[in-house]
Amino acid sequence: MNLLLLHNSNASYLAGDAQILAGVGTPFTATSTTSAFIDVVLPLPLSAFNSSTQDFPNYLLSAPLTLQLDLASAARAIWHGATATVSDYTISNTYLVYQACELPAAYVEAERMAVKSSPFIMNLTSTLNVQVPASILTSYSLGLNASSVRAVFVLPSNYASAPPATNTTSLSYWRDSADSASNYNGAGTNAIVFVDGNQINSAIYDNPAMVFQGLKGALHHSLQGSIIYSSPALGGALMNSGGGGLGSTNPWISQFYAIGFDLTSFDDEASLFSGSPCTTLNLQLTGYGSAQPTYLSTIIVVYDVLLAFEADGTIQIKR
């Protein structure tokens, strides 16, 4: 969600929809001198529930579907100013909003009989997330063993530990490289990705324009959906502490951005496994993290999976 909000959201979405629904930059409503609350509506950005061509077949499961929410600590979940304190928080009055279709019993029985001879297949995307220090990204390898890798993203952060460490410092994603003093004139980071020893991107991402077009290409082919808008957010406190406000392109150019690599073989949303088969993925970021080598970077790998619903109600995942 950080990647989508920071780099794939329209500025008007962040200023309007995200503040009203997701609580982005919204003050809490105080109920006393020691308590306050905020109402949020969070999307579930899971491809199993957001497929444009298939609905999730609950009727084929042998047990009810379970969703688990893991809560972060108060220091990492809630940001506040220097004069306020937050000791703890709880979640209450939760609702799951979904759309369901009541199917005829004869159809359900027929589908359950059909999967005994041929599994029901859903084509989805999944992600692998890894946090590593910036210093080791000069050459970093991931063993994936995936049949279809769609994209790879690198999000640099301003923290040397799991961010954020305190309530008073908000998490920022920004570029940390040697050419920051010269307004990123191309003397800093060179970013290359290899799949099983083969270089995928022919462009060297050494300036903001190249990084921007590479990132948007990867987002368009891999993660662009109906949850949020598909234009970049340009500035604002959400994105970095020195932003120039919504609508300003200067923060993007001068301070921060994620790096994205598009690994799709062709652009066809109806196709299965349109990414690149990959046993070992290798990232080589030259000049990256030279100023703060201990700062953490998040690597996000997006790959295709097949969900096969078996006759006994279990699910097999093929990657």
C-alpha atoms as a PDB file:
ATOM      1  CA  MET A   1       0.000   0.000   0.000  1.00  0.00           C
ATOM      2  CA  ASN A   2       2.902   2.391   0.645  1.00  0.00           C
ATOM      3  CA  LEU A   3       4.162   1.839  -2.897  1.00  0.00           C
ATOM      4  CA  LEU A   4       0.704   2.421  -4.370  1.00  0.00           C
ATOM      5  CA  LEU A   5      -0.095   5.467  -2.245  1.00  0.00           C
ATOM      6  CA  LEU A   6       3.259   7.154  -2.747  1.00  0.00           C
ATOM      7  CA  HIS A   7       3.815   6.516  -6.424  1.00  0.00           C
ATOM      8  CA  ASN A   8       0.543   5.502  -8.051  1.00  0.00           C
ATOM      9  CA  SER A   9      -2.008   7.888  -6.523  1.00  0.00           C
ATOM     10  CA  ASN A  10      -3.408  11.055  -7.988  1.00  0.00           C
ATOM     11  CA  ALA A  11      -2.807  14.138  -5.837  1.00  0.00           C
ATOM     12  CA  SER A  12      -6.563  14.733  -5.564  1.00  0.00           C
ATOM     13  CA  TYR A  13      -6.986  11.175  -4.259  1.00  0.00           C
ATOM     14  CA  LEU A  14      -4.516  11.795  -1.433  1.00  0.00           C
ATOM     15  CA  ALA A  15      -6.102  15.164  -0.614  1.00  0.00           C
ATOM     16  CA  GLY A  16      -9.657  13.824  -0.678  1.00  0.00           C
ATOM     17  CA  ASP A  17     -10.420  10.113  -0.805  1.00  0.00           C
ATOM     18  CA  ALA A  18      -7.382   8.892   1.142  1.00  0.00           C
ATOM     19  CA  GLN A  19      -7.897  11.421   3.937  1.00  0.00           C
ATOM     20  CA  ILE A  20     -11.585  10.583   4.320  1.00  0.00           C
ATOM     21  CA  LEU A  21     -11.311   6.809   3.912  1.00  0.00           C
ATOM     22  CA  ALA A  22      -7.788   5.724   4.901  1.00  0.00           C
ATOM     23  CA  GLY A  23      -7.063   8.500   7.409  1.00  0.00           C
ATOM     24  CA  VAL A  24      -4.020   9.835   5.540  1.00  0.00           C
ATOM     25  CA  GLY A  25      -2.993  13.075   7.257  1.00  0.00           C
ATOM     26  CA  THR A  26      -6.304  13.340   9.109  1.00  0.00           C
ATOM     27  CA  PRO A  27      -6.495  14.574  12.742  1.00  0.00           C
ATOM     28  CA  PHE A  28      -8.192  12.375  15.332  1.00  0.00           C
ATOM     29  CA  THR A  29     -11.500  13.321  16.963  1.00  0.00           C
ATOM     30  CA  ALA A  30     -10.869  13.869  20.683  1.00  0.00           C
ATOM     31  CA  THR A  31     -13.376  12.407  23.133  1.00  0.00           C
ATOM     32  CA  SER A  32     -11.520  13.442  26.307  1.00  0.00           C
ATOM     33  CA  THR A  33      -8.116  14.716  27.396  1.00  0.00           C
ATOM     34  CA  THR A  34      -6.710  11.184  27.156  1.00  0.00           C
ATOM     35  CA  SER A  35      -8.520   9.527  24.258  1.00  0.00           C
ATOM     36  CA  ALA A  36      -9.414  10.129  20.627  1.00  0.00           C
ATOM     37  CA  PHE A  37     -10.597   8.134  17.628  1.00  0.00           C
ATOM     38  CA  ILE A  38     -10.554   8.043  13.840  1.00  0.00           C
ATOM     39  CA  ASP A  39     -12.762   6.148  11.388  1.00  0.00           C
ATOM     40  CA  VAL A  40     -11.004   4.425   8.493  1.00  0.00           C
ATOM     41  CA  VAL A  41     -12.057   2.312   5.535  1.00  0.00           C
ATOM     42  CA  LEU A  42      -9.102   0.266   4.315  1.00  0.00           C
ATOM     43  CA  PRO A  43      -9.094  -1.590   0.992  1.00  0.00           C
ATOM     44  CA  LEU A  44      -7.818  -5.160   0.787  1.00  0.00           C
ATOM     45  CA  PRO A  45      -5.345  -4.947  -2.100  1.00  0.00           C
ATOM     46  CA  LEU A  46      -5.317  -8.704  -2.685  1.00  0.00           C
ATOM     47  CA  SER A  47      -5.636  -9.920  -6.237  1.00  0.00           C
ATOM     48  CA  ALA A  48      -7.849 -12.794  -5.059  1.00  0.00           C
ATOM     49  CA  PHE A  49     -10.531 -10.257  -4.179  1.00  0.00           C
ATOM     50  CA  ASN A  50      -9.920  -7.686  -6.923  1.00  0.00           C
ATOM     51  CA  SER A  51      -9.886  -9.782 -10.074  1.00  0.00           C
ATOM     52  CA  SER A  52     -11.647  -8.111 -13.001  1.00  0.00           C
ATOM     53  CA  THR A  53     -12.482 -11.463 -14.618  1.00  0.00           C
ATOM     54  CA  GLN A  54     -13.136 -13.905 -11.760  1.00  0.00           C
ATOM     55  CA  ASP A  55     -14.822 -13.861  -8.353  1.00  0.00           C
ATOM     56  CA  PHE A  56     -13.475 -15.824  -5.407  1.00  0.00           C
ATOM     57  CA  PRO A  57     -15.363 -19.176  -5.277  1.00  0.00           C
ATOM     58  CA  ASN A  58     -16.207 -19.481  -1.588  1.00  0.00           C
ATOM     59  CA  TYR A  59     -18.581 -22.343  -2.389  1.00  0.00           C
ATOM     60  CA  LEU A  60     -15.607 -24.570  -3.271  1.00  0.00           C
ATOM     61  CA  LEU A  61     -13.920 -24.207   0.118  1.00  0.00           C
ATOM     62  CA  SER A  62     -14.168 -26.884   2.791  1.00  0.00           C
ATOM     63  CA  ALA A  63     -14.000 -24.289   5.609  1.00  0.00           C
ATOM     64  CA  PRO A  64     -14.880 -20.596   5.989  1.00  0.00           C
ATOM     65  CA  LEU A  65     -12.377 -18.082   4.639  1.00  0.00           C
ATOM     66  CA  THR A  66     -10.363 -16.417   7.438  1.00  0.00           C
ATOM     67  CA  LEU A  67      -8.830 -12.939   7.224  1.00  0.00           C
ATOM     68  CA  GLN A  68      -6.198 -11.990   9.817  1.00  0.00           C
ATOM     69  CA  LEU A  69      -5.155  -8.411  10.618  1.00  0.00           C
ATOM     70  CA  ASP A  70      -1.727  -7.992  12.221  1.00  0.00           C
ATOM     71  CA  LEU A  71      -1.479  -4.710  14.130  1.00  0.00           C
ATOM     72  CA  ALA A  72       1.747  -2.734  14.439  1.00  0.00           C
ATOM     73  CA  SER A  73       2.883  -1.198  17.714  1.00  0.00           C
ATOM     74  CA  ALA A  74       1.547   2.226  18.644  1.00  0.00           C
ATOM     75  CA  ALA A  75       4.903   3.838  17.863  1.00  0.00           C
ATOM     76  CA  ARG A  76       4.863   2.480  14.308  1.00  0.00           C
ATOM     77  CA  ALA A  77       1.146   2.729  13.594  1.00  0.00           C
ATOM     78  CA  ILE A  78       0.269   6.281  14.669  1.00  0.00           C
ATOM     79  CA  TRP A  79       2.169   9.458  13.854  1.00  0.00           C
ATOM     80  CA  HIS A  80       1.780  12.550  16.025  1.00  0.00           C
ATOM     81  CA  GLY A  81       3.400  15.898  16.678  1.00  0.00           C
ATOM     82  CA  ALA A  82       6.134  16.575  19.206  1.00  0.00           C
ATOM     83  CA  THR A  83       3.737  17.910  21.864  1.00  0.00           C
ATOM     84  CA  ALA A  84       1.360  14.921  21.904  1.00  0.00           C
ATOM     85  CA  THR A  85       1.777  11.448  23.369  1.00  0.00           C
ATOM     86  CA  VAL A  86       0.264   8.106  22.362  1.00  0.00           C
ATOM     87  CA  SER A  87       0.403   5.224  24.830  1.00  0.00           C
ATOM     88  CA  ASP A  88      -1.717   2.593  23.100  1.00  0.00           C
ATOM     89  CA  TYR A  89      -4.514   2.038  20.611  1.00  0.00           C
ATOM     90  CA  THR A  90      -7.249  -0.498  19.923  1.00  0.00           C
ATOM     91  CA  ILE A  91      -9.441  -1.428  16.966  1.00  0.00           C
ATOM     92  CA  SER A  92     -13.195  -1.542  17.555  1.00  0.00           C
ATOM     93  CA  ASN A  93     -16.489  -1.660  15.631  1.00  0.00           C
ATOM     94  CA  THR A  94     -14.930  -3.460  12.673  1.00  0.00           C
ATOM     95  CA  TYR A  95     -16.917  -4.448   9.606  1.00  0.00           C
ATOM     96  CA  LEU A  96     -16.027  -6.421   6.507  1.00  0.00           C
ATOM     97  CA  VAL A  97     -17.677  -4.879   3.466  1.00  0.00           C
ATOM     98  CA  TYR A  98     -18.027  -7.290   0.568  1.00  0.00           C
ATOM     99  CA  GLN A  99     -20.263  -8.207  -2.312  1.00  0.00           C
ATOM    100  CA  ALA A 100     -21.642 -11.729  -2.543  1.00  0.00           C
ATOM    101  CA  CYS A 101     -23.801 -13.576  -5.034  1.00  0.00           C
ATOM    102  CA  GLU A 102     -26.228 -16.284  -3.927  1.00  0.00           C
ATOM    103  CA  LEU A 103     -25.840 -19.143  -6.383  1.00  0.00           C
ATOM    104  CA  PRO A 104     -28.417 -21.841  -7.122  1.00  0.00           C
ATOM    105  CA  ALA A 105     -27.769 -25.097  -5.274  1.00  0.00           C
ATOM    106  CA  ALA A 106     -27.724 -27.048  -8.545  1.00  0.00           C
ATOM    107  CA  TYR A 107     -24.929 -24.819  -9.919  1.00  0.00           C
ATOM    108  CA  VAL A 108     -22.835 -25.188  -6.749  1.00  0.00           C
ATOM    109  CA  GLU A 109     -23.216 -28.966  -6.819  1.00  0.00           C
ATOM    110  CA  ALA A 110     -22.277 -29.090 -10.494  1.00  0.00           C
ATOM    111  CA  GLU A 111     -19.123 -27.030  -9.879  1.00  0.00           C
ATOM    112  CA  ARG A 112     -18.109 -29.248  -6.965  1.00  0.00           C
ATOM    113  CA  MET A 113     -18.509 -32.299  -9.154  1.00  0.00           C
ATOM    114  CA  ALA A 114     -16.491 -30.661 -11.939  1.00  0.00           C
ATOM    115  CA  VAL A 115     -13.427 -29.981  -9.765  1.00  0.00           C
ATOM    116  CA  LYS A 116     -13.129 -33.711  -9.044  1.00  0.00           C
ATOM    117  CA  SER A 117     -11.864 -34.190 -12.585  1.00  0.00           C
ATOM    118  CA  SER A 118     -10.451 -30.705 -13.283  1.00  0.00           C
ATOM    119  CA  PRO A 119      -9.414 -28.153 -10.614  1.00  0.00           C
ATOM    120  CA  PHE A 120     -10.948 -24.677 -10.625  1.00  0.00           C
ATOM    121  CA  ILE A 121      -8.074 -22.297 -11.511  1.00  0.00           C
ATOM    122  CA  MET A 122      -7.619 -18.619 -10.598  1.00  0.00           C
ATOM    123  CA  ASN A 123      -4.725 -16.567 -11.979  1.00  0.00           C
ATOM    124  CA  LEU A 124      -3.489 -14.079  -9.344  1.00  0.00           C
ATOM    125  CA  THR A 125      -0.455 -12.004  -8.414  1.00  0.00           C
ATOM    126  CA  SER A 126       1.489 -12.272  -5.180  1.00  0.00           C
ATOM    127  CA  THR A 127       4.378 -10.350  -3.618  1.00  0.00           C
ATOM    128  CA  LEU A 128       7.630 -11.107  -1.846  1.00  0.00           C
ATOM    129  CA  ASN A 129       8.895  -8.332   0.472  1.00  0.00           C
ATOM    130  CA  VAL A 130      12.442  -8.126   1.844  1.00  0.00           C
ATOM    131  CA  GLN A 131      14.098  -5.361   3.896  1.00  0.00           C
ATOM    132  CA  VAL A 132      17.862  -5.021   3.497  1.00  0.00           C
ATOM    133  CA  PRO A 133      20.494  -2.340   4.254  1.00  0.00           C
ATOM    134  CA  ALA A 134      21.257  -0.081   1.299  1.00  0.00           C
ATOM    135  CA  SER A 135      24.938  -1.061   1.435  1.00  0.00           C
ATOM    136  CA  ILE A 136      24.401  -4.613   0.135  1.00  0.00           C
ATOM    137  CA  LEU A 137      22.386  -3.586  -2.936  1.00  0.00           C
ATOM    138  CA  THR A 138      25.538  -3.178  -5.021  1.00  0.00           C
ATOM    139  CA  SER A 139      24.832  -6.815  -5.896  1.00  0.00           C
ATOM    140  CA  TYR A 140      21.948  -8.562  -4.161  1.00  0.00           C
ATOM    141  CA  SER A 141      20.428 -11.872  -5.256  1.00  0.00           C
ATOM    142  CA  LEU A 142      17.058 -13.430  -4.440  1.00  0.00           C
ATOM    143  CA  GLY A 143      16.229 -17.067  -5.083  1.00  0.00           C
ATOM    144  CA  LEU A 144      12.670 -16.980  -6.424  1.00  0.00           C
ATOM    145  CA  ASN A 145      12.024 -20.120  -8.461  1.00  0.00           C
ATOM    146  CA  ALA A 146       8.954 -18.442  -9.955  1.00  0.00           C
ATOM    147  CA  SER A 147       7.472 -19.094 -13.374  1.00  0.00           C
ATOM    148  CA  SER A 148       6.369 -15.502 -13.985  1.00  0.00           C
ATOM    149  CA  VAL A 149       7.934 -12.450 -12.288  1.00  0.00           C
ATOM    150  CA  ARG A 150       6.108  -9.276 -13.320  1.00  0.00           C
ATOM    151  CA  ALA A 151       8.023  -6.501 -11.595  1.00  0.00           C
ATOM    152  CA  VAL A 152      10.623  -5.584  -8.991  1.00  0.00           C
ATOM    153  CA  PHE A 153      10.541  -2.420  -6.861  1.00  0.00           C
ATOM    154  CA  VAL A 154      13.098  -0.910  -4.482  1.00  0.00           C
ATOM    155  CA  LEU A 155      11.816   1.592  -1.905  1.00  0.00           C
ATOM    156  CA  PRO A 156      14.588   3.479  -0.056  1.00  0.00           C
ATOM    157  CA  SER A 157      13.643   4.731   3.408  1.00  0.00           C
ATOM    158  CA  ASN A 158      15.071   7.178   5.946  1.00  0.00           C
ATOM    159  CA  TYR A 159      15.452   4.602   8.723  1.00  0.00           C
ATOM    160  CA  ALA A 160      18.209   2.246   9.788  1.00  0.00           C
ATOM    161  CA  SER A 161      15.750  -0.063  11.585  1.00  0.00           C
ATOM    162  CA  ALA A 162      12.208  -1.230  11.043  1.00  0.00           C
ATOM    163  CA  PRO A 163      10.469   2.117  10.358  1.00  0.00           C
ATOM    164  CA  PRO A 164       9.196   4.233  11.889  1.00  0.00           C
ATOM    165  CA  ALA A 165      10.892   3.975  15.271  1.00  0.00           C
ATOM    166  CA  THR A 166       8.987   6.776  17.029  1.00  0.00           C
ATOM    167  CA  ASN A 167       5.612   8.483  16.851  1.00  0.00           C
ATOM    168  CA  THR A 168       7.143  11.892  16.202  1.00  0.00           C
ATOM    169  CA  THR A 169       9.044  10.981  13.026  1.00  0.00           C
ATOM    170  CA  SER A 170       6.995   9.933  10.013  1.00  0.00           C
ATOM    171  CA  LEU A 171       8.278   7.355   7.561  1.00  0.00           C
ATOM    172  CA  SER A 172       9.698   8.860   4.384  1.00  0.00           C
ATOM    173  CA  TYR A 173      10.918   7.210   1.209  1.00  0.00           C
ATOM    174  CA  TRP A 174      13.731   9.148  -0.411  1.00  0.00           C
ATOM    175  CA  ARG A 175      16.734   8.630  -2.597  1.00  0.00           C
ATOM    176  CA  ASP A 176      19.989   8.298  -0.696  1.00  0.00           C
ATOM    177  CA  SER A 177      22.867   8.661  -3.142  1.00  0.00           C
ATOM    178  CA  ALA A 178      26.015  10.626  -3.833  1.00  0.00           C
ATOM    179  CA  ASP A 179      24.607  13.192  -6.261  1.00  0.00           C
ATOM    180  CA  SER A 180      22.046  14.763  -3.896  1.00  0.00           C
ATOM    181  CA  ALA A 181      24.037  17.996  -3.686  1.00  0.00           C
ATOM    182  CA  SER A 182      23.964  18.458  -7.457  1.00  0.00           C
ATOM    183  CA  ASN A 183      20.186  18.039  -7.911  1.00  0.00           C
ATOM    184  CA  TYR A 184      20.559  14.528  -9.335  1.00  0.00           C
ATOM    185  CA  ASN A 185      22.442  15.269 -12.510  1.00  0.00           C
ATOM    186  CA  GLY A 186      22.981  11.597 -13.316  1.00  0.00           C
ATOM    187  CA  ALA A 187      26.211  11.137 -11.381  1.00  0.00           C
ATOM    188  CA  GLY A 188      24.646   8.919  -8.735  1.00  0.00           C
ATOM    189  CA  THR A 189      22.784   5.631  -8.912  1.00  0.00           C
ATOM    190  CA  ASN A 190      22.929   3.160 -11.773  1.00  0.00           C
ATOM    191  CA  ALA A 191      20.255   0.475 -11.346  1.00  0.00           C
ATOM    192  CA  ILE A 192      20.282  -2.803 -13.265  1.00  0.00           C
ATOM    193  CA  VAL A 193      18.318  -6.030 -12.781  1.00  0.00           C
ATOM    194  CA  PHE A 194      19.382  -9.474 -13.974  1.00  0.00           C
ATOM    195  CA  VAL A 195      17.119 -12.518 -14.326  1.00  0.00           C
ATOM    196  CA  ASP A 196      19.097 -15.762 -14.307  1.00  0.00           C
ATOM    197  CA  GLY A 197      22.167 -13.864 -15.492  1.00  0.00           C
ATOM    198  CA  ASN A 198      20.411 -11.968 -18.299  1.00  0.00           C
ATOM    199  CA  GLN A 199      20.135  -8.173 -18.061  1.00  0.00           C
ATOM    200  CA  ILE A 200      16.479  -7.233 -18.443  1.00  0.00           C
ATOM    201  CA  ASN A 201      16.420  -3.440 -18.618  1.00  0.00           C
ATOM    202  CA  SER A 202      18.644  -1.825 -21.226  1.00  0.00           C
ATOM    203  CA  ALA A 203      18.224   1.649 -19.682  1.00  0.00           C
ATOM    204  CA  ILE A 204      20.432   2.857 -16.839  1.00  0.00           C
ATOM    205  CA  TYR A 205      18.253   4.524 -14.184  1.00  0.00           C
ATOM    206  CA  ASP A 206      20.615   7.335 -13.239  1.00  0.00           C
ATOM    207  CA  ASN A 207      18.302  10.368 -13.296  1.00  0.00           C
ATOM    208  CA  PRO A 208      14.768  11.172 -12.088  1.00  0.00           C
ATOM    209  CA  ALA A 209      13.175  11.081 -15.545  1.00  0.00           C
ATOM    210  CA  MET A 210      14.487   7.592 -16.312  1.00  0.00           C
ATOM    211  CA  VAL A 211      13.482   6.287 -12.883  1.00  0.00           C
ATOM    212  CA  PHE A 212      10.007   7.807 -13.241  1.00  0.00           C
ATOM    213  CA  GLN A 213       9.248   6.218 -16.591  1.00  0.00           C
ATOM    214  CA  GLY A 214      10.629   2.867 -15.474  1.00  0.00           C
ATOM    215  CA  LEU A 215       8.558   2.922 -12.301  1.00  0.00           C
ATOM    216  CA  LYS A 216       5.350   3.885 -14.095  1.00  0.00           C
ATOM    217  CA  GLY A 217       5.870   1.120 -16.643  1.00  0.00           C
ATOM    218  CA  ALA A 218       6.246  -1.453 -13.891  1.00  0.00           C
ATOM    219  CA  LEU A 219       3.184  -0.163 -12.029  1.00  0.00           C
ATOM    220  CA  HIS A 220       1.052  -0.082 -15.178  1.00  0.00           C
ATOM    221  CA  HIS A 221       1.739  -3.690 -16.132  1.00  0.00           C
ATOM    222  CA  SER A 222       1.734  -5.211 -12.662  1.00  0.00           C
ATOM    223  CA  LEU A 223      -0.260  -3.366 -10.025  1.00  0.00           C
ATOM    224  CA  GLN A 224      -2.529  -0.861 -11.709  1.00  0.00           C
ATOM    225  CA  GLY A 225      -6.039  -1.556 -10.473  1.00  0.00           C
ATOM    226  CA  SER A 226      -9.254   0.102  -9.484  1.00  0.00           C
ATOM    227  CA  ILE A 227      -8.317   0.655  -5.817  1.00  0.00           C
ATOM    228  CA  ILE A 228      -6.571   3.966  -6.441  1.00  0.00           C
ATOM    229  CA  TYR A 229      -5.812   6.233  -9.350  1.00  0.00           C
ATOM    230  CA  SER A 230      -2.952   5.612 -11.731  1.00  0.00           C
ATOM    231  CA  SER A 231      -1.265   9.010 -11.798  1.00  0.00           C
ATOM    232  CA  PRO A 232       1.686   9.923  -9.576  1.00  0.00           C
ATOM    233  CA  ALA A 233       1.354  11.877  -6.373  1.00  0.00           C
ATOM    234  CA  LEU A 234       3.620  14.888  -6.630  1.00  0.00           C
ATOM    235  CA  GLY A 235       4.721  16.124  -3.226  1.00  0.00           C
ATOM    236  CA  GLY A 236       3.068  16.511   0.139  1.00  0.00           C
ATOM    237  CA  ALA A 237       3.936  15.579   3.709  1.00  0.00           C
ATOM    238  CA  LEU A 238       2.970  11.939   3.133  1.00  0.00           C
ATOM    239  CA  MET A 239       5.819  11.488   0.711  1.00  0.00           C
ATOM    240  CA  ASN A 240       8.695  13.337   2.361  1.00  0.00           C
ATOM    241  CA  SER A 241       9.323  15.799   5.154  1.00  0.00           C
ATOM    242  CA  GLY A 242      10.626  18.483   2.809  1.00  0.00           C
ATOM    243  CA  GLY A 243       7.829  18.316   0.256  1.00  0.00           C
ATOM    244  CA  GLY A 244       6.553  21.295  -1.642  1.00  0.00           C
ATOM    245  CA  GLY A 245       2.863  20.490  -1.236  1.00  0.00           C
ATOM    246  CA  LEU A 246       0.443  18.612  -3.452  1.00  0.00           C
ATOM    247  CA  GLY A 247       0.868  19.489  -7.088  1.00  0.00           C
ATOM    248  CA  SER A 248       4.581  20.278  -6.879  1.00  0.00           C
ATOM    249  CA  THR A 249       7.012  18.101  -8.838  1.00  0.00           C
ATOM    250  CA  ASN A 250      10.115  19.397  -7.060  1.00  0.00           C
ATOM    251  CA  PRO A 251      10.113  16.835  -4.186  1.00  0.00           C
ATOM    252  CA  TRP A 252      10.079  13.958  -6.660  1.00  0.00           C
ATOM    253  CA  ILE A 253      12.952  15.356  -8.676  1.00  0.00           C
ATOM    254  CA  SER A 254      15.138  16.446  -5.793  1.00  0.00           C
ATOM    255  CA  GLN A 255      14.566  14.035  -2.915  1.00  0.00           C
ATOM    256  CA  PHE A 256      12.975  10.647  -3.310  1.00  0.00           C
ATOM    257  CA  TYR A 257      11.433   7.926  -5.410  1.00  0.00           C
ATOM    258  CA  ALA A 258      11.092   4.175  -5.697  1.00  0.00           C
ATOM    259  CA  ILE A 259      12.937   2.298  -8.417  1.00  0.00           C
ATOM    260  CA  GLY A 260      10.834  -0.044 -10.550  1.00  0.00           C
ATOM    261  CA  PHE A 261      11.695  -2.694 -13.139  1.00  0.00           C
ATOM    262  CA  ASP A 262       9.048  -4.025 -15.527  1.00  0.00           C
ATOM    263  CA  LEU A 263       9.690  -7.728 -16.200  1.00  0.00           C
ATOM    264  CA  THR A 264       6.550  -8.557 -18.193  1.00  0.00           C
ATOM    265  CA  SER A 265       7.107 -10.233 -21.539  1.00  0.00           C
ATOM    266  CA  PHE A 266       4.008  -8.682 -23.127  1.00  0.00           C
ATOM    267  CA  ASP A 267       1.058  -6.528 -22.120  1.00  0.00           C
ATOM    268  CA  ASP A 268      -2.116  -8.585 -22.136  1.00  0.00           C
ATOM    269  CA  GLU A 269      -4.233  -8.668 -18.992  1.00  0.00           C
ATOM    270  CA  ALA A 270      -6.082 -11.756 -20.201  1.00  0.00           C
ATOM    271  CA  SER A 271      -2.894 -13.812 -20.444  1.00  0.00           C
ATOM    272  CA  LEU A 272      -1.618 -16.215 -17.824  1.00  0.00           C
ATOM    273  CA  PHE A 273       1.959 -15.887 -16.564  1.00  0.00           C
ATOM    274  CA  SER A 274       2.990 -13.015 -18.830  1.00  0.00           C
ATOM    275  CA  GLY A 275       6.058 -12.213 -16.707  1.00  0.00           C
ATOM    276  CA  SER A 276       9.595 -13.555 -16.915  1.00  0.00           C
ATOM    277  CA  PRO A 277      10.494 -17.017 -15.573  1.00  0.00           C
ATOM    278  CA  CYS A 278      13.081 -16.510 -12.855  1.00  0.00           C
ATOM    279  CA  THR A 279      15.135 -18.830 -10.690  1.00  0.00           C
ATOM    280  CA  THR A 280      17.538 -16.170  -9.364  1.00  0.00           C
ATOM    281  CA  LEU A 281      16.986 -12.408  -9.447  1.00  0.00           C
ATOM    282  CA  ASN A 282      20.007 -10.104  -9.098  1.00  0.00           C
ATOM    283  CA  LEU A 283      19.858  -6.366  -8.357  1.00  0.00           C
ATOM    284  CA  GLN A 284      22.908  -4.167  -8.938  1.00  0.00           C
ATOM    285  CA  LEU A 285      22.568  -0.584  -7.694  1.00  0.00           C
ATOM    286  CA  THR A 286      25.852   1.266  -8.147  1.00  0.00           C
ATOM    287  CA  GLY A 287      26.244   4.442  -6.087  1.00  0.00           C
ATOM    288  CA  TYR A 288      23.063   3.712  -4.148  1.00  0.00           C
ATOM    289  CA  GLY A 289      23.148   4.212  -0.378  1.00  0.00           C
ATOM    290  CA  SER A 290      26.596   5.780  -0.323  1.00  0.00           C
ATOM    291  CA  ALA A 291      25.491   8.540   2.062  1.00  0.00           C
ATOM    292  CA  GLN A 292      23.648   6.323   4.569  1.00  0.00           C
ATOM    293  CA  PRO A 293      24.583   2.674   3.878  1.00  0.00           C
ATOM    294  CA  THR A 294      22.751   1.387   6.972  1.00  0.00           C
ATOM    295  CA  TYR A 295      19.366   2.757   5.919  1.00  0.00           C
ATOM    296  CA  LEU A 296      16.847   0.046   5.114  1.00  0.00           C
ATOM    297  CA  SER A 297      15.415  -0.468   1.652  1.00  0.00           C
ATOM    298  CA  THR A 298      12.331  -2.540   0.909  1.00  0.00           C
ATOM    299  CA  ILE A 299      12.490  -4.866  -2.095  1.00  0.00           C
ATOM    300  CA  ILE A 300       9.089  -5.872  -3.509  1.00  0.00           C
ATOM    301  CA  VAL A 301       8.890  -8.677  -6.083  1.00  0.00           C
ATOM    302  CA  VAL A 302       5.540  -9.158  -7.858  1.00  0.00           C
ATOM    303  CA  TYR A 303       4.959 -12.579  -9.394  1.00  0.00           C
ATOM    304  CA  ASP A 304       2.083 -14.639 -10.793  1.00  0.00           C
ATOM    305  CA  VAL A 305       0.527 -17.568  -8.970  1.00  0.00           C
ATOM    306  CA  LEU A 306      -2.189 -20.057  -9.840  1.00  0.00           C
ATOM    307  CA  LEU A 307      -4.758 -21.059  -7.223  1.00  0.00           C
ATOM    308  CA  ALA A 308      -6.123 -24.528  -7.853  1.00  0.00           C
ATOM    309  CA  PHE A 309      -9.273 -25.438  -5.886  1.00  0.00           C
ATOM    310  CA  GLU A 310      -9.298 -29.195  -5.312  1.00  0.00           C
ATOM    311  CA  ALA A 311     -12.266 -31.513  -4.823  1.00  0.00           C
ATOM    312  CA  ASP A 312     -11.718 -31.762  -1.049  1.00  0.00           C
ATOM    313  CA  GLY A 313     -11.975 -27.977  -0.623  1.00  0.00           C
ATOM    314  CA  THR A 314      -8.249 -27.331  -0.252  1.00  0.00           C
ATOM    315  CA  ILE A 315      -6.215 -24.875  -2.335  1.00  0.00           C
ATOM    316  CA  GLN A 316      -2.942 -25.614  -4.089  1.00  0.00           C
ATOM    317  CA  ILE A 317      -0.670 -22.652  -4.957  1.00  0.00           C
ATOM    318  CA  LYS A 318       1.490 -22.927  -8.080  1.00  0.00           C
ATOM    319  CA  ARG A 319       4.204 -20.338  -8.703  1.00  0.00           C
END
